[in-house]
Amino acid sequence: MAFKTVARDRAGMVDILAENLSGKAVMSADGTELGDLYNITMNLESGELNHLLVSPHEQLRSERVDFDVDEMGRLRVPVANVQAVKDYIVVAR
């Protein structure tokens, strides 16, 4: 699944995504709760979404994760890994 916004609607789409997804729990497809969505990074020129920044749950900090981590310890989950968005954001590891 790929998320992409249309350039002329970029600001509105980002606001809608931020409102609906902010703080939503992120879970891997195997059922492991990874953490809570902190933010979404995007290419401002194309409107393409790049990564979900996920604040990891405490118990996950001691586990090996398959995602890059930013300077604040948040997981950088590629948007291409998103499988579903419902009660949780489900991502492939």
PDB file of N, CA and C in Angstrom:
ATOM      1  N   MET A   1       0.852  -1.160   0.000  1.00  0.00           N
ATOM      2  CA  MET A   1       0.000   0.000   0.000  1.00  0.00           C
ATOM      3  C   MET A   1       0.903   1.229   0.000  1.00  0.00           C
ATOM      4  N   ALA A   2       0.629   2.179  -0.832  1.00  0.00           N
ATOM      5  CA  ALA A   2       1.411   3.414  -0.874  1.00  0.00           C
ATOM      6  C   ALA A   2       0.488   4.596  -0.645  1.00  0.00           C
ATOM      7  N   PHE A   3       0.943   5.522   0.180  1.00  0.00           N
ATOM      8  CA  PHE A   3       0.185   6.736   0.432  1.00  0.00           C
ATOM      9  C   PHE A   3       0.800   7.843  -0.405  1.00  0.00           C
ATOM     10  N   LYS A   4      -0.007   8.608  -1.060  1.00  0.00           N
ATOM     11  CA  LYS A   4       0.500   9.737  -1.825  1.00  0.00           C
ATOM     12  C   LYS A   4      -0.578  10.797  -1.858  1.00  0.00           C
ATOM     13  N   THR A   5      -0.171  12.022  -1.677  1.00  0.00           N
ATOM     14  CA  THR A   5      -1.132  13.116  -1.730  1.00  0.00           C
ATOM     15  C   THR A   5      -0.970  13.862  -3.032  1.00  0.00           C
ATOM     16  N   VAL A   6      -1.990  14.530  -3.454  1.00  0.00           N
ATOM     17  CA  VAL A   6      -1.931  15.380  -4.639  1.00  0.00           C
ATOM     18  C   VAL A   6      -1.378  16.717  -4.191  1.00  0.00           C
ATOM     19  N   ALA A   7      -0.429  17.274  -4.947  1.00  0.00           N
ATOM     20  CA  ALA A   7       0.282  18.477  -4.533  1.00  0.00           C
ATOM     21  C   ALA A   7      -0.655  19.616  -4.121  1.00  0.00           C
ATOM     22  N   ARG A   8      -1.699  19.883  -4.882  1.00  0.00           N
ATOM     23  CA  ARG A   8      -2.555  21.026  -4.563  1.00  0.00           C
ATOM     24  C   ARG A   8      -3.369  20.809  -3.296  1.00  0.00           C
ATOM     25  N   ASP A   9      -3.532  19.564  -2.887  1.00  0.00           N
ATOM     26  CA  ASP A   9      -4.287  19.256  -1.676  1.00  0.00           C
ATOM     27  C   ASP A   9      -3.385  18.847  -0.516  1.00  0.00           C
ATOM     28  N   ARG A  10      -2.094  19.026  -0.663  1.00  0.00           N
ATOM     29  CA  ARG A  10      -1.118  18.517   0.290  1.00  0.00           C
ATOM     30  C   ARG A  10      -1.389  18.983   1.713  1.00  0.00           C
ATOM     31  N   ALA A  11      -1.571  20.264   1.932  1.00  0.00           N
ATOM     32  CA  ALA A  11      -1.751  20.781   3.295  1.00  0.00           C
ATOM     33  C   ALA A  11      -2.997  20.186   3.939  1.00  0.00           C
ATOM     34  N   GLY A  12      -4.086  20.130   3.215  1.00  0.00           N
ATOM     35  CA  GLY A  12      -5.317  19.563   3.757  1.00  0.00           C
ATOM     36  C   GLY A  12      -5.196  18.096   4.064  1.00  0.00           C
ATOM     37  N   MET A  13      -4.538  17.349   3.185  1.00  0.00           N
ATOM     38  CA  MET A  13      -4.369  15.911   3.391  1.00  0.00           C
ATOM     39  C   MET A  13      -3.499  15.650   4.609  1.00  0.00           C
ATOM     40  N   VAL A  14      -2.423  16.406   4.770  1.00  0.00           N
ATOM     41  CA  VAL A  14      -1.541  16.229   5.919  1.00  0.00           C
ATOM     42  C   VAL A  14      -2.303  16.505   7.206  1.00  0.00           C
ATOM     43  N   ASP A  15      -3.136  17.543   7.216  1.00  0.00           N
ATOM     44  CA  ASP A  15      -3.937  17.851   8.409  1.00  0.00           C
ATOM     45  C   ASP A  15      -4.889  16.709   8.732  1.00  0.00           C
ATOM     46  N   ILE A  16      -5.536  16.150   7.705  1.00  0.00           N
ATOM     47  CA  ILE A  16      -6.467  15.037   7.914  1.00  0.00           C
ATOM     48  C   ILE A  16      -5.724  13.821   8.452  1.00  0.00           C
ATOM     49  N   LEU A  17      -4.571  13.486   7.858  1.00  0.00           N
ATOM     50  CA  LEU A  17      -3.786  12.360   8.339  1.00  0.00           C
ATOM     51  C   LEU A  17      -3.352  12.581   9.778  1.00  0.00           C
ATOM     52  N   ALA A  18      -2.865  13.768  10.088  1.00  0.00           N
ATOM     53  CA  ALA A  18      -2.391  14.062  11.435  1.00  0.00           C
ATOM     54  C   ALA A  18      -3.516  13.923  12.447  1.00  0.00           C
ATOM     55  N   GLU A  19      -4.694  14.430  12.126  1.00  0.00           N
ATOM     56  CA  GLU A  19      -5.824  14.344  13.044  1.00  0.00           C
ATOM     57  C   GLU A  19      -6.263  12.902  13.271  1.00  0.00           C
ATOM     58  N   ASN A  20      -6.336  12.113  12.216  1.00  0.00           N
ATOM     59  CA  ASN A  20      -6.871  10.755  12.302  1.00  0.00           C
ATOM     60  C   ASN A  20      -5.872   9.720  12.798  1.00  0.00           C
ATOM     61  N   LEU A  21      -4.601   9.963  12.602  1.00  0.00           N
ATOM     62  CA  LEU A  21      -3.608   8.949  12.939  1.00  0.00           C
ATOM     63  C   LEU A  21      -2.760   9.289  14.158  1.00  0.00           C
ATOM     64  N   SER A  22      -2.693  10.534  14.545  1.00  0.00           N
ATOM     65  CA  SER A  22      -1.837  10.962  15.643  1.00  0.00           C
ATOM     66  C   SER A  22      -2.117  10.161  16.912  1.00  0.00           C
ATOM     67  N   GLY A  23      -1.066   9.562  17.469  1.00  0.00           N
ATOM     68  CA  GLY A  23      -1.187   8.803  18.700  1.00  0.00           C
ATOM     69  C   GLY A  23      -1.736   7.401  18.538  1.00  0.00           C
ATOM     70  N   LYS A  24      -2.096   7.023  17.314  1.00  0.00           N
ATOM     71  CA  LYS A  24      -2.662   5.679  17.075  1.00  0.00           C
ATOM     72  C   LYS A  24      -1.595   4.624  17.363  1.00  0.00           C
ATOM     73  N   ALA A  25      -2.011   3.522  17.938  1.00  0.00           N
ATOM     74  CA  ALA A  25      -1.094   2.427  18.250  1.00  0.00           C
ATOM     75  C   ALA A  25      -0.618   1.749  16.966  1.00  0.00           C
ATOM     76  N   VAL A  26       0.659   1.343  16.964  1.00  0.00           N
ATOM     77  CA  VAL A  26       1.255   0.658  15.818  1.00  0.00           C
ATOM     78  C   VAL A  26       1.620  -0.756  16.258  1.00  0.00           C
ATOM     79  N   MET A  27       1.197  -1.730  15.448  1.00  0.00           N
ATOM     80  CA  MET A  27       1.410  -3.148  15.757  1.00  0.00           C
ATOM     81  C   MET A  27       2.023  -3.822  14.536  1.00  0.00           C
ATOM     82  N   SER A  28       2.927  -4.758  14.785  1.00  0.00           N
ATOM     83  CA  SER A  28       3.479  -5.522  13.668  1.00  0.00           C
ATOM     84  C   SER A  28       2.464  -6.583  13.263  1.00  0.00           C
ATOM     85  N   ALA A  29       2.614  -7.110  12.069  1.00  0.00           N
ATOM     86  CA  ALA A  29       1.692  -8.118  11.548  1.00  0.00           C
ATOM     87  C   ALA A  29       1.702  -9.389  12.398  1.00  0.00           C
ATOM     88  N   ASP A  30       2.777  -9.614  13.172  1.00  0.00           N
ATOM     89  CA  ASP A  30       2.828 -10.799  14.038  1.00  0.00           C
ATOM     90  C   ASP A  30       2.182 -10.556  15.405  1.00  0.00           C
ATOM     91  N   GLY A  31       1.601  -9.365  15.601  1.00  0.00           N
ATOM     92  CA  GLY A  31       0.872  -9.076  16.832  1.00  0.00           C
ATOM     93  C   GLY A  31       1.662  -8.334  17.894  1.00  0.00           C
ATOM     94  N   THR A  32       2.927  -8.037  17.632  1.00  0.00           N
ATOM     95  CA  THR A  32       3.748  -7.306  18.593  1.00  0.00           C
ATOM     96  C   THR A  32       3.371  -5.829  18.573  1.00  0.00           C
ATOM     97  N   GLU A  33       3.028  -5.289  19.739  1.00  0.00           N
ATOM     98  CA  GLU A  33       2.743  -3.855  19.825  1.00  0.00           C
ATOM     99  C   GLU A  33       4.070  -3.114  19.814  1.00  0.00           C
ATOM    100  N   LEU A  34       4.249  -2.263  18.805  1.00  0.00           N
ATOM    101  CA  LEU A  34       5.508  -1.552  18.651  1.00  0.00           C
ATOM    102  C   LEU A  34       5.534  -0.245  19.424  1.00  0.00           C
ATOM    103  N   GLY A  35       4.443   0.481  19.408  1.00  0.00           N
ATOM    104  CA  GLY A  35       4.402   1.766  20.083  1.00  0.00           C
ATOM    105  C   GLY A  35       3.263   2.606  19.551  1.00  0.00           C
ATOM    106  N   ASP A  36       3.404   3.924  19.682  1.00  0.00           N
ATOM    107  CA  ASP A  36       2.375   4.858  19.237  1.00  0.00           C
ATOM    108  C   ASP A  36       2.937   5.771  18.163  1.00  0.00           C
ATOM    109  N   LEU A  37       2.112   6.075  17.166  1.00  0.00           N
ATOM    110  CA  LEU A  37       2.542   6.953  16.086  1.00  0.00           C
ATOM    111  C   LEU A  37       2.847   8.334  16.643  1.00  0.00           C
ATOM    112  N   TYR A  38       4.039   8.818  16.354  1.00  0.00           N
ATOM    113  CA  TYR A  38       4.452  10.152  16.778  1.00  0.00           C
ATOM    114  C   TYR A  38       4.255  11.158  15.645  1.00  0.00           C
ATOM    115  N   ASN A  39       4.681  10.759  14.437  1.00  0.00           N
ATOM    116  CA  ASN A  39       4.624  11.664  13.300  1.00  0.00           C
ATOM    117  C   ASN A  39       4.790  10.864  12.016  1.00  0.00           C
ATOM    118  N   ILE A  40       4.582  11.541  10.885  1.00  0.00           N
ATOM    119  CA  ILE A  40       4.782  10.951   9.566  1.00  0.00           C
ATOM    120  C   ILE A  40       5.693  11.884   8.792  1.00  0.00           C
ATOM    121  N   THR A  41       6.745  11.333   8.179  1.00  0.00           N
ATOM    122  CA  THR A  41       7.621  12.169   7.362  1.00  0.00           C
ATOM    123  C   THR A  41       7.183  12.073   5.908  1.00  0.00           C
ATOM    124  N   MET A  42       7.414  13.158   5.177  1.00  0.00           N
ATOM    125  CA  MET A  42       7.011  13.170   3.774  1.00  0.00           C
ATOM    126  C   MET A  42       7.945  14.027   2.952  1.00  0.00           C
ATOM    127  N   ASN A  43       7.934  13.785   1.649  1.00  0.00           N
ATOM    128  CA  ASN A  43       8.658  14.598   0.686  1.00  0.00           C
ATOM    129  C   ASN A  43       7.757  15.787   0.368  1.00  0.00           C
ATOM    130  N   LEU A  44       8.165  16.988   0.736  1.00  0.00           N
ATOM    131  CA  LEU A  44       7.312  18.165   0.555  1.00  0.00           C
ATOM    132  C   LEU A  44       7.097  18.523  -0.909  1.00  0.00           C
ATOM    133  N   GLU A  45       8.031  18.145  -1.771  1.00  0.00           N
ATOM    134  CA  GLU A  45       7.871  18.459  -3.199  1.00  0.00           C
ATOM    135  C   GLU A  45       6.865  17.539  -3.877  1.00  0.00           C
ATOM    136  N   SER A  46       6.953  16.246  -3.598  1.00  0.00           N
ATOM    137  CA  SER A  46       6.089  15.286  -4.287  1.00  0.00           C
ATOM    138  C   SER A  46       4.819  14.958  -3.495  1.00  0.00           C
ATOM    139  N   GLY A  47       4.854  15.200  -2.187  1.00  0.00           N
ATOM    140  CA  GLY A  47       3.723  14.828  -1.344  1.00  0.00           C
ATOM    141  C   GLY A  47       3.749  13.375  -0.920  1.00  0.00           C
ATOM    142  N   GLU A  48       4.768  12.639  -1.327  1.00  0.00           N
ATOM    143  CA  GLU A  48       4.876  11.222  -0.982  1.00  0.00           C
ATOM    144  C   GLU A  48       5.259  11.056   0.487  1.00  0.00           C
ATOM    145  N   LEU A  49       4.537  10.167   1.174  1.00  0.00           N
ATOM    146  CA  LEU A  49       4.844   9.882   2.570  1.00  0.00           C
ATOM    147  C   LEU A  49       6.029   8.932   2.633  1.00  0.00           C
ATOM    148  N   ASN A  50       6.949   9.163   3.579  1.00  0.00           N
ATOM    149  CA  ASN A  50       8.165   8.357   3.673  1.00  0.00           C
ATOM    150  C   ASN A  50       8.151   7.363   4.824  1.00  0.00           C
ATOM    151  N   HIS A  51       8.043   7.862   6.042  1.00  0.00           N
ATOM    152  CA  HIS A  51       8.161   7.016   7.224  1.00  0.00           C
ATOM    153  C   HIS A  51       7.122   7.371   8.280  1.00  0.00           C
ATOM    154  N   LEU A  52       6.748   6.368   9.065  1.00  0.00           N
ATOM    155  CA  LEU A  52       6.020   6.600  10.293  1.00  0.00           C
ATOM    156  C   LEU A  52       7.088   6.694  11.380  1.00  0.00           C
ATOM    157  N   LEU A  53       7.024   7.715  12.204  1.00  0.00           N
ATOM    158  CA  LEU A  53       7.901   7.788  13.369  1.00  0.00           C
ATOM    159  C   LEU A  53       7.090   7.275  14.546  1.00  0.00           C
ATOM    160  N   VAL A  54       7.565   6.212  15.158  1.00  0.00           N
ATOM    161  CA  VAL A  54       6.817   5.511  16.205  1.00  0.00           C
ATOM    162  C   VAL A  54       7.577   5.612  17.525  1.00  0.00           C
ATOM    163  N   SER A  55       6.911   6.136  18.547  1.00  0.00           N
ATOM    164  CA  SER A  55       7.481   6.144  19.900  1.00  0.00           C
ATOM    165  C   SER A  55       7.308   4.732  20.452  1.00  0.00           C
ATOM    166  N   PRO A  56       8.421   4.009  20.661  1.00  0.00           N
ATOM    167  CA  PRO A  56       8.310   2.604  21.057  1.00  0.00           C
ATOM    168  C   PRO A  56       7.815   2.440  22.488  1.00  0.00           C
ATOM    169  N   HIS A  57       7.090   1.347  22.725  1.00  0.00           N
ATOM    170  CA  HIS A  57       6.685   0.994  24.079  1.00  0.00           C
ATOM    171  C   HIS A  57       7.922   0.574  24.867  1.00  0.00           C
ATOM    172  N   GLU A  58       7.891   0.755  26.172  1.00  0.00           N
ATOM    173  CA  GLU A  58       9.032   0.439  27.040  1.00  0.00           C
ATOM    174  C   GLU A  58       9.548  -0.983  26.855  1.00  0.00           C
ATOM    175  N   GLN A  59       8.643  -1.969  26.812  1.00  0.00           N
ATOM    176  CA  GLN A  59       9.076  -3.367  26.709  1.00  0.00           C
ATOM    177  C   GLN A  59       9.793  -3.636  25.389  1.00  0.00           C
ATOM    178  N   LEU A  60       9.549  -2.812  24.384  1.00  0.00           N
ATOM    179  CA  LEU A  60      10.185  -3.000  23.076  1.00  0.00           C
ATOM    180  C   LEU A  60      11.619  -2.493  23.076  1.00  0.00           C
ATOM    181  N   ARG A  61      11.947  -1.588  23.973  1.00  0.00           N
ATOM    182  CA  ARG A  61      13.282  -0.978  23.991  1.00  0.00           C
ATOM    183  C   ARG A  61      14.393  -2.008  24.186  1.00  0.00           C
ATOM    184  N   SER A  62      14.106  -3.102  24.873  1.00  0.00           N
ATOM    185  CA  SER A  62      15.129  -4.125  25.099  1.00  0.00           C
ATOM    186  C   SER A  62      15.153  -5.176  23.990  1.00  0.00           C
ATOM    187  N   GLU A  63      14.145  -5.158  23.120  1.00  0.00           N
ATOM    188  CA  GLU A  63      14.058  -6.122  22.016  1.00  0.00           C
ATOM    189  C   GLU A  63      14.777  -5.598  20.781  1.00  0.00           C
ATOM    190  N   ARG A  64      15.228  -6.525  19.949  1.00  0.00           N
ATOM    191  CA  ARG A  64      15.795  -6.129  18.657  1.00  0.00           C
ATOM    192  C   ARG A  64      14.642  -5.826  17.717  1.00  0.00           C
ATOM    193  N   VAL A  65      14.700  -4.675  17.066  1.00  0.00           N
ATOM    194  CA  VAL A  65      13.665  -4.314  16.104  1.00  0.00           C
ATOM    195  C   VAL A  65      14.274  -4.239  14.717  1.00  0.00           C
ATOM    196  N   ASP A  66      13.446  -4.416  13.713  1.00  0.00           N
ATOM    197  CA  ASP A  66      13.927  -4.465  12.336  1.00  0.00           C
ATOM    198  C   ASP A  66      13.847  -3.120  11.627  1.00  0.00           C
ATOM    199  N   PHE A  67      13.717  -2.045  12.383  1.00  0.00           N
ATOM    200  CA  PHE A  67      13.581  -0.712  11.788  1.00  0.00           C
ATOM    201  C   PHE A  67      14.717   0.181  12.255  1.00  0.00           C
ATOM    202  N   ASP A  68      15.050   1.167  11.420  1.00  0.00           N
ATOM    203  CA  ASP A  68      16.004   2.187  11.836  1.00  0.00           C
ATOM    204  C   ASP A  68      15.404   2.971  12.992  1.00  0.00           C
ATOM    205  N   VAL A  69      16.267   3.597  13.775  1.00  0.00           N
ATOM    206  CA  VAL A  69      15.842   4.408  14.911  1.00  0.00           C
ATOM    207  C   VAL A  69      16.419   5.806  14.719  1.00  0.00           C
ATOM    208  N   ASP A  70      15.597   6.848  14.983  1.00  0.00           N
ATOM    209  CA  ASP A  70      16.100   8.210  14.848  1.00  0.00           C
ATOM    210  C   ASP A  70      16.867   8.622  16.107  1.00  0.00           C
ATOM    211  N   GLU A  71      17.388   9.847  16.126  1.00  0.00           N
ATOM    212  CA  GLU A  71      18.207  10.327  17.238  1.00  0.00           C
ATOM    213  C   GLU A  71      17.442  10.407  18.567  1.00  0.00           C
ATOM    214  N   MET A  72      16.117  10.387  18.521  1.00  0.00           N
ATOM    215  CA  MET A  72      15.292  10.437  19.728  1.00  0.00           C
ATOM    216  C   MET A  72      14.815   9.037  20.161  1.00  0.00           C
ATOM    217  N   GLY A  73      15.270   8.000  19.457  1.00  0.00           N
ATOM    218  CA  GLY A  73      14.898   6.636  19.810  1.00  0.00           C
ATOM    219  C   GLY A  73      13.580   6.172  19.199  1.00  0.00           C
ATOM    220  N   ARG A  74      13.010   6.978  18.297  1.00  0.00           N
ATOM    221  CA  ARG A  74      11.752   6.595  17.643  1.00  0.00           C
ATOM    222  C   ARG A  74      12.058   5.690  16.459  1.00  0.00           C
ATOM    223  N   LEU A  75      11.190   4.699  16.249  1.00  0.00           N
ATOM    224  CA  LEU A  75      11.331   3.787  15.117  1.00  0.00           C
ATOM    225  C   LEU A  75      10.949   4.503  13.833  1.00  0.00           C
ATOM    226  N   ARG A  76      11.712   4.275  12.767  1.00  0.00           N
ATOM    227  CA  ARG A  76      11.413   4.834  11.442  1.00  0.00           C
ATOM    228  C   ARG A  76      10.867   3.693  10.582  1.00  0.00           C
ATOM    229  N   VAL A  77       9.553   3.601  10.509  1.00  0.00           N
ATOM    230  CA  VAL A  77       8.896   2.515   9.783  1.00  0.00           C
ATOM    231  C   VAL A  77       8.538   3.014   8.380  1.00  0.00           C
ATOM    232  N   PRO A  78       9.087   2.401   7.323  1.00  0.00           N
ATOM    233  CA  PRO A  78       8.740   2.840   5.970  1.00  0.00           C
ATOM    234  C   PRO A  78       7.229   2.731   5.732  1.00  0.00           C
ATOM    235  N   VAL A  79       6.663   3.741   5.105  1.00  0.00           N
ATOM    236  CA  VAL A  79       5.232   3.740   4.810  1.00  0.00           C
ATOM    237  C   VAL A  79       4.861   2.526   3.962  1.00  0.00           C
ATOM    238  N   ALA A  80       5.782   2.058   3.146  1.00  0.00           N
ATOM    239  CA  ALA A  80       5.518   0.874   2.312  1.00  0.00           C
ATOM    240  C   ALA A  80       5.222  -0.365   3.156  1.00  0.00           C
ATOM    241  N   ASN A  81       5.602  -0.373   4.428  1.00  0.00           N
ATOM    242  CA  ASN A  81       5.354  -1.512   5.310  1.00  0.00           C
ATOM    243  C   ASN A  81       3.948  -1.508   5.906  1.00  0.00           C
ATOM    244  N   VAL A  82       3.200  -0.422   5.731  1.00  0.00           N
ATOM    245  CA  VAL A  82       1.853  -0.351   6.302  1.00  0.00           C
ATOM    246  C   VAL A  82       0.948  -1.337   5.569  1.00  0.00           C
ATOM    247  N   GLN A  83       0.282  -2.207   6.346  1.00  0.00           N
ATOM    248  CA  GLN A  83      -0.617  -3.207   5.775  1.00  0.00           C
ATOM    249  C   GLN A  83      -2.083  -2.863   5.996  1.00  0.00           C
ATOM    250  N   ALA A  84      -2.389  -2.192   7.113  1.00  0.00           N
ATOM    251  CA  ALA A  84      -3.786  -1.849   7.416  1.00  0.00           C
ATOM    252  C   ALA A  84      -3.814  -0.707   8.421  1.00  0.00           C
ATOM    253  N   VAL A  85      -4.883   0.076   8.357  1.00  0.00           N
ATOM    254  CA  VAL A  85      -5.106   1.126   9.333  1.00  0.00           C
ATOM    255  C   VAL A  85      -6.553   0.996   9.810  1.00  0.00           C
ATOM    256  N   LYS A  86      -6.705   0.544  11.027  1.00  0.00           N
ATOM    257  CA  LYS A  86      -8.034   0.400  11.636  1.00  0.00           C
ATOM    258  C   LYS A  86      -7.899   0.870  13.078  1.00  0.00           C
ATOM    259  N   ASP A  87      -8.162  -0.013  14.043  1.00  0.00           N
ATOM    260  CA  ASP A  87      -7.935   0.343  15.437  1.00  0.00           C
ATOM    261  C   ASP A  87      -6.445   0.543  15.692  1.00  0.00           C
ATOM    262  N   TYR A  88      -5.625  -0.226  14.995  1.00  0.00           N
ATOM    263  CA  TYR A  88      -4.169  -0.125  15.027  1.00  0.00           C
ATOM    264  C   TYR A  88      -3.674   0.187  13.628  1.00  0.00           C
ATOM    265  N   ILE A  89      -2.453   0.687  13.548  1.00  0.00           N
ATOM    266  CA  ILE A  89      -1.759   0.728  12.265  1.00  0.00           C
ATOM    267  C   ILE A  89      -0.935  -0.559  12.244  1.00  0.00           C
ATOM    268  N   VAL A  90      -1.210  -1.436  11.302  1.00  0.00           N
ATOM    269  CA  VAL A  90      -0.522  -2.729  11.220  1.00  0.00           C
ATOM    270  C   VAL A  90       0.581  -2.620  10.175  1.00  0.00           C
ATOM    271  N   VAL A  91       1.807  -3.012  10.573  1.00  0.00           N
ATOM    272  CA  VAL A  91       2.943  -2.914   9.666  1.00  0.00           C
ATOM    273  C   VAL A  91       3.674  -4.243   9.573  1.00  0.00           C
ATOM    274  N   ALA A  92       4.270  -4.493   8.426  1.00  0.00           N
ATOM    275  CA  ALA A  92       5.122  -5.673   8.232  1.00  0.00           C
ATOM    276  C   ALA A  92       6.491  -5.363   8.822  1.00  0.00           C
ATOM    277  N   ARG A  93       7.079  -6.355   9.443  1.00  0.00           N
ATOM    278  CA  ARG A  93       8.444  -6.190   9.987  1.00  0.00           C
ATOM    279  C   ARG A  93       9.374  -6.631   8.936  1.00  0.00           C
TER     280      ARG A  93
END
